[in-house]
C-alpha atoms as a PDB file:
ATOM      1  CA  MET A   1     106.807 136.143 122.983  1.00  0.00           C
ATOM      2  CA  GLY A   2     105.314 138.313 120.234  1.00  0.00           C
ATOM      3  CA  ARG A   3     102.205 137.461 118.274  1.00  0.00           C
ATOM      4  CA  ARG A   4     102.950 135.065 115.428  1.00  0.00           C
ATOM      5  CA  ILE A   5     101.717 135.488 111.892  1.00  0.00           C
ATOM      6  CA  PRO A   6      98.530 133.374 111.542  1.00  0.00           C
ATOM      7  CA  PRO A   7      99.263 129.866 110.187  1.00  0.00           C
ATOM      8  CA  GLY A   8      97.346 130.512 106.963  1.00  0.00           C
ATOM      9  CA  ARG A   9      99.679 133.401 106.113  1.00  0.00           C
ATOM     10  CA  ARG A  10     102.938 132.064 107.524  1.00  0.00           C
ATOM     11  CA  VAL A  11     104.102 130.152 104.430  1.00  0.00           C
ATOM     12  CA  ALA A  12     103.463 133.111 102.111  1.00  0.00           C
ATOM     13  CA  VAL A  13     105.267 135.464 104.508  1.00  0.00           C
ATOM     14  CA  ARG A  14     108.257 133.143 104.711  1.00  0.00           C
ATOM     15  CA  VAL A  15     108.427 132.714 100.920  1.00  0.00           C
ATOM     16  CA  CYS A  16     108.353 136.486 100.376  1.00  0.00           C
ATOM     17  CA  LEU A  17     110.981 137.125 103.065  1.00  0.00           C
ATOM     18  CA  VAL A  18     113.278 134.430 101.676  1.00  0.00           C
ATOM     19  CA  ALA A  19     112.855 135.850  98.157  1.00  0.00           C
ATOM     20  CA  LEU A  20     113.987 139.278  99.374  1.00  0.00           C
ATOM     21  CA  ALA A  21     116.802 137.742 101.426  1.00  0.00           C
ATOM     22  CA  THR A  22     118.023 135.775  98.413  1.00  0.00           C
ATOM     23  CA  THR A  23     118.446 138.929  96.349  1.00  0.00           C
ATOM     24  CA  GLN A  24     120.323 140.548  99.208  1.00  0.00           C
ATOM     25  CA  VAL A  25     122.676 137.630  99.861  1.00  0.00           C
ATOM     26  CA  VAL A  26     123.661 137.491  96.171  1.00  0.00           C
ATOM     27  CA  VAL A  27     124.365 141.223  96.052  1.00  0.00           C
ATOM     28  CA  GLY A  28     125.982 141.174  99.489  1.00  0.00           C
ATOM     29  CA  VAL A  29     128.448 138.347  98.953  1.00  0.00           C
ATOM     30  CA  TRP A  30     129.414 139.522  95.477  1.00  0.00           C
ATOM     31  CA  ALA A  31     129.849 143.204  96.396  1.00  0.00           C
ATOM     32  CA  LEU A  32     131.647 142.545  99.685  1.00  0.00           C
ATOM     33  CA  PHE A  33     134.088 139.904  98.479  1.00  0.00           C
ATOM     34  CA  ALA A  34     134.583 140.892  94.813  1.00  0.00           C
ATOM     35  CA  PRO A  35     133.748 144.612  94.612  1.00  0.00           C
ATOM     36  CA  SER A  36     135.470 145.239  91.284  1.00  0.00           C
ATOM     37  CA  GLY A  37     133.762 142.218  89.717  1.00  0.00           C
ATOM     38  CA  PHE A  38     130.419 143.359  91.109  1.00  0.00           C
ATOM     39  CA  TYR A  39     130.939 146.850  89.674  1.00  0.00           C
ATOM     40  CA  ARG A  40     131.935 145.537  86.237  1.00  0.00           C
ATOM     41  CA  GLY A  41     129.552 142.571  86.039  1.00  0.00           C
ATOM     42  CA  PHE A  42     126.312 143.043  87.970  1.00  0.00           C
ATOM     43  CA  PRO A  43     123.818 141.568  87.216  1.00  0.00           C
ATOM     44  CA  SER A  44     125.456 139.446  84.475  1.00  0.00           C
ATOM     45  CA  ALA A  45     128.007 139.457  81.672  1.00  0.00           C
ATOM     46  CA  GLY A  46     127.161 142.088  79.082  1.00  0.00           C
ATOM     47  CA  HIS A  47     124.783 143.884  81.460  1.00  0.00           C
ATOM     48  CA  ALA A  48     127.031 145.878  83.800  1.00  0.00           C
ATOM     49  CA  TRP A  49     124.374 148.092  85.367  1.00  0.00           C
ATOM     50  CA  VAL A  50     126.500 149.383  88.249  1.00  0.00           C
ATOM     51  CA  ALA A  51     129.304 150.445  85.898  1.00  0.00           C
ATOM     52  CA  LEU A  52     126.822 152.722  84.109  1.00  0.00           C
ATOM     53  CA  LEU A  53     126.915 154.929  87.232  1.00  0.00           C
ATOM     54  CA  PRO A  54     130.656 155.679  87.613  1.00  0.00           C
ATOM     55  CA  PRO A  55     133.091 156.061  89.182  1.00  0.00           C
ATOM     56  CA  PHE A  56     134.067 152.794  90.892  1.00  0.00           C
ATOM     57  CA  ASN A  57     134.651 153.168  94.633  1.00  0.00           C
ATOM     58  CA  GLU A  58     135.781 149.977  96.366  1.00  0.00           C
ATOM     59  CA  HIS A  59     134.863 151.275  99.814  1.00  0.00           C
ATOM     60  CA  LEU A  60     131.282 152.100  98.857  1.00  0.00           C
ATOM     61  CA  VAL A  61     130.760 148.852  96.937  1.00  0.00           C
ATOM     62  CA  ARG A  62     132.027 146.819  99.910  1.00  0.00           C
ATOM     63  CA  ASP A  63     129.743 148.837 102.211  1.00  0.00           C
ATOM     64  CA  VAL A  64     126.768 148.007  99.961  1.00  0.00           C
ATOM     65  CA  GLY A  65     127.745 144.350 100.222  1.00  0.00           C
ATOM     66  CA  ALA A  66     128.016 144.412 103.999  1.00  0.00           C
ATOM     67  CA  LEU A  67     124.733 146.292 104.407  1.00  0.00           C
ATOM     68  CA  SER A  68     123.004 143.864 102.028  1.00  0.00           C
ATOM     69  CA  LEU A  69     124.237 140.986 104.175  1.00  0.00           C
ATOM     70  CA  ALA A  70     122.967 142.762 107.299  1.00  0.00           C
ATOM     71  CA  LEU A  71     119.527 143.040 105.676  1.00  0.00           C
ATOM     72  CA  THR A  72     119.784 139.350 104.775  1.00  0.00           C
ATOM     73  CA  VAL A  73     120.243 138.471 108.448  1.00  0.00           C
ATOM     74  CA  VAL A  74     117.190 140.505 109.468  1.00  0.00           C
ATOM     75  CA  LEU A  75     114.997 139.104 106.665  1.00  0.00           C
ATOM     76  CA  VAL A  76     116.032 135.501 107.377  1.00  0.00           C
ATOM     77  CA  GLY A  77     115.488 136.033 111.105  1.00  0.00           C
ATOM     78  CA  ALA A  78     111.948 137.220 110.413  1.00  0.00           C
ATOM     79  CA  ALA A  79     111.354 134.181 108.171  1.00  0.00           C
ATOM     80  CA  ILE A  80     112.553 131.799 110.896  1.00  0.00           C
ATOM     81  CA  TRP A  81     110.645 133.525 113.737  1.00  0.00           C
ATOM     82  CA  PRO A  82     107.573 135.035 112.042  1.00  0.00           C
ATOM     83  CA  GLN A  83     106.242 137.212 114.840  1.00  0.00           C
ATOM     84  CA  ARG A  84     104.311 140.217 113.530  1.00  0.00           C
ATOM     85  CA  LEU A  85     106.646 142.767 115.080  1.00  0.00           C
ATOM     86  CA  LEU A  86     109.809 141.125 113.752  1.00  0.00           C
ATOM     87  CA  VAL A  87     108.358 140.641 110.254  1.00  0.00           C
ATOM     88  CA  ARG A  88     107.134 144.217 110.067  1.00  0.00           C
ATOM     89  CA  LEU A  89     110.421 145.586 111.411  1.00  0.00           C
ATOM     90  CA  ALA A  90     112.395 143.566 108.824  1.00  0.00           C
ATOM     91  CA  VAL A  91     110.114 144.675 105.991  1.00  0.00           C
ATOM     92  CA  ILE A  92     110.250 148.330 107.023  1.00  0.00           C
ATOM     93  CA  ALA A  93     114.063 148.163 107.292  1.00  0.00           C
ATOM     94  CA  PHE A  94     114.176 146.674 103.800  1.00  0.00           C
ATOM     95  CA  ALA A  95     111.766 149.343 102.510  1.00  0.00           C
ATOM     96  CA  VAL A  96     113.961 152.128 103.939  1.00  0.00           C
ATOM     97  CA  TYR A  97     116.689 150.820 101.642  1.00  0.00           C
ATOM     98  CA  ALA A  98     114.672 149.597  98.643  1.00  0.00           C
ATOM     99  CA  VAL A  99     112.261 152.471  98.020  1.00  0.00           C
ATOM    100  CA  PRO A 100     114.872 155.273  97.709  1.00  0.00           C
ATOM    101  CA  HIS A 101     117.113 152.871  95.765  1.00  0.00           C
ATOM    102  CA  THR A 102     114.277 152.188  93.328  1.00  0.00           C
ATOM    103  CA  ILE A 103     113.511 155.893  92.926  1.00  0.00           C
ATOM    104  CA  PHE A 104     117.181 156.744  92.346  1.00  0.00           C
ATOM    105  CA  HIS A 105     117.568 154.131  89.635  1.00  0.00           C
ATOM    106  CA  GLY A 106     114.265 155.097  88.035  1.00  0.00           C
ATOM    107  CA  LEU A 107     115.610 158.632  87.651  1.00  0.00           C
ATOM    108  CA  HIS A 108     119.021 157.527  86.345  1.00  0.00           C
ATOM    109  CA  LEU A 109     118.375 155.275  83.362  1.00  0.00           C
ATOM    110  CA  ASP A 110     120.645 157.191  80.955  1.00  0.00           C
ATOM    111  CA  GLY A 111     123.015 154.789  79.237  1.00  0.00           C
ATOM    112  CA  PHE A 112     120.793 151.760  79.803  1.00  0.00           C
ATOM    113  CA  GLY A 113     119.489 149.965  76.753  1.00  0.00           C
ATOM    114  CA  PRO A 114     115.702 149.570  76.701  1.00  0.00           C
ATOM    115  CA  ALA A 115     115.795 145.892  77.717  1.00  0.00           C
ATOM    116  CA  ASP A 116     118.188 146.567  80.606  1.00  0.00           C
ATOM    117  CA  ALA A 117     116.151 149.559  81.810  1.00  0.00           C
ATOM    118  CA  VAL A 118     112.961 147.498  81.810  1.00  0.00           C
ATOM    119  CA  ALA A 119     114.649 144.509  83.472  1.00  0.00           C
ATOM    120  CA  GLN A 120     116.189 146.663  86.188  1.00  0.00           C
ATOM    121  CA  MET A 121     112.973 148.501  86.984  1.00  0.00           C
ATOM    122  CA  ALA A 122     110.972 145.249  86.883  1.00  0.00           C
ATOM    123  CA  GLY A 123     113.335 143.791  89.474  1.00  0.00           C
ATOM    124  CA  PHE A 124     112.881 146.818  91.698  1.00  0.00           C
ATOM    125  CA  GLY A 125     109.126 146.654  91.111  1.00  0.00           C
ATOM    126  CA  VAL A 126     109.021 143.062  92.343  1.00  0.00           C
ATOM    127  CA  GLN A 127     110.798 144.128  95.528  1.00  0.00           C
ATOM    128  CA  VAL A 128     108.313 146.941  96.136  1.00  0.00           C
ATOM    129  CA  VAL A 129     105.369 144.612  95.499  1.00  0.00           C
ATOM    130  CA  LEU A 130     106.817 142.090  97.977  1.00  0.00           C
ATOM    131  CA  ILE A 131     107.157 144.862 100.563  1.00  0.00           C
ATOM    132  CA  ILE A 132     103.483 145.755 100.153  1.00  0.00           C
ATOM    133  CA  VAL A 133     102.392 142.097 100.218  1.00  0.00           C
ATOM    134  CA  LEU A 134     104.399 141.469 103.380  1.00  0.00           C
ATOM    135  CA  LEU A 135     102.965 144.519 105.127  1.00  0.00           C
ATOM    136  CA  ILE A 136      99.454 143.327 104.264  1.00  0.00           C
ATOM    137  CA  LEU A 137     100.115 139.717 105.302  1.00  0.00           C
ATOM    138  CA  SER A 138     101.695 140.779 108.581  1.00  0.00           C
ATOM    139  CA  ALA A 139      98.931 143.206 109.506  1.00  0.00           C
ATOM    140  CA  GLY A 140      97.015 142.194 112.573  1.00  0.00           C
ATOM    141  CA  PRO A 141      94.098 143.309 114.654  1.00  0.00           C
ATOM    142  CA  ALA A 142      94.288 146.747 116.248  1.00  0.00           C
ATOM    143  CA  ASP A 143      94.374 145.041 119.638  1.00  0.00           C
ATOM    144  CA  ASP A 144      94.478 141.530 121.085  1.00  0.00           C
ATOM    145  CA  THR A 145      90.676 141.204 121.291  1.00  0.00           C
ATOM    146  CA  GLU A 146      90.296 139.451 117.939  1.00  0.00           C
ATOM    147  CA  GLU A 147      93.029 136.902 118.644  1.00  0.00           C
ATOM    148  CA  HIS A 148      92.798 136.375 122.398  1.00  0.00           C
ATOM    149  CA  GLY A 149      89.511 137.861 123.581  1.00  0.00           C
ATOM    150  CA  PRO A 150      89.269 140.950 125.774  1.00  0.00           C
ATOM    151  CA  ARG A 151      91.999 141.602 128.327  1.00  0.00           C
ATOM    152  CA  ARG A 152      91.215 141.422 132.009  1.00  0.00           C
ATOM    153  CA  PRO A 153      91.956 144.674 133.876  1.00  0.00           C
ATOM    154  CA  ASN A 154      94.882 143.236 135.864  1.00  0.00           C
ATOM    155  CA  GLU A 155      96.414 141.219 133.020  1.00  0.00           C
ATOM    156  CA  ASP A 156     100.068 141.931 132.320  1.00  0.00           C
ATOM    157  CA  LEU A 157     100.411 143.833 129.026  1.00  0.00           C
ATOM    158  CA  GLY A 158     104.044 142.815 128.438  1.00  0.00           C
END
């Protein structure tokens, strides 16, 4: 079994992972099962951010939904079983999606009103901050010495 996140950090790690998973499950369910509604109405009535980047493509919107749900599974799994490796793998997988997504939207704010542009980028900023927090909270010692004492020469490393 992998090394668990220390008890003092476990609650914070789980809260952050569940926060990220919650955003992904909302996007995932909506985009996968109601792609046209997602395109025309995300994040809420009168604030159709996705529609500001036309054209609508049902296939791509459904793919975004399915991939968001896949990330949800990984993030929730890491929250349930908070081993360092699993948490870090989930966070890095999320970062591979979220960082380029944030950059893209930061460079494509044409058509957004000031309040919507700020709200969108603030939402992305929260995700990036949670990524950084999770990477810090899930960091561990360079080796097992700090947690378990020095290894004996014949001790199994697996």
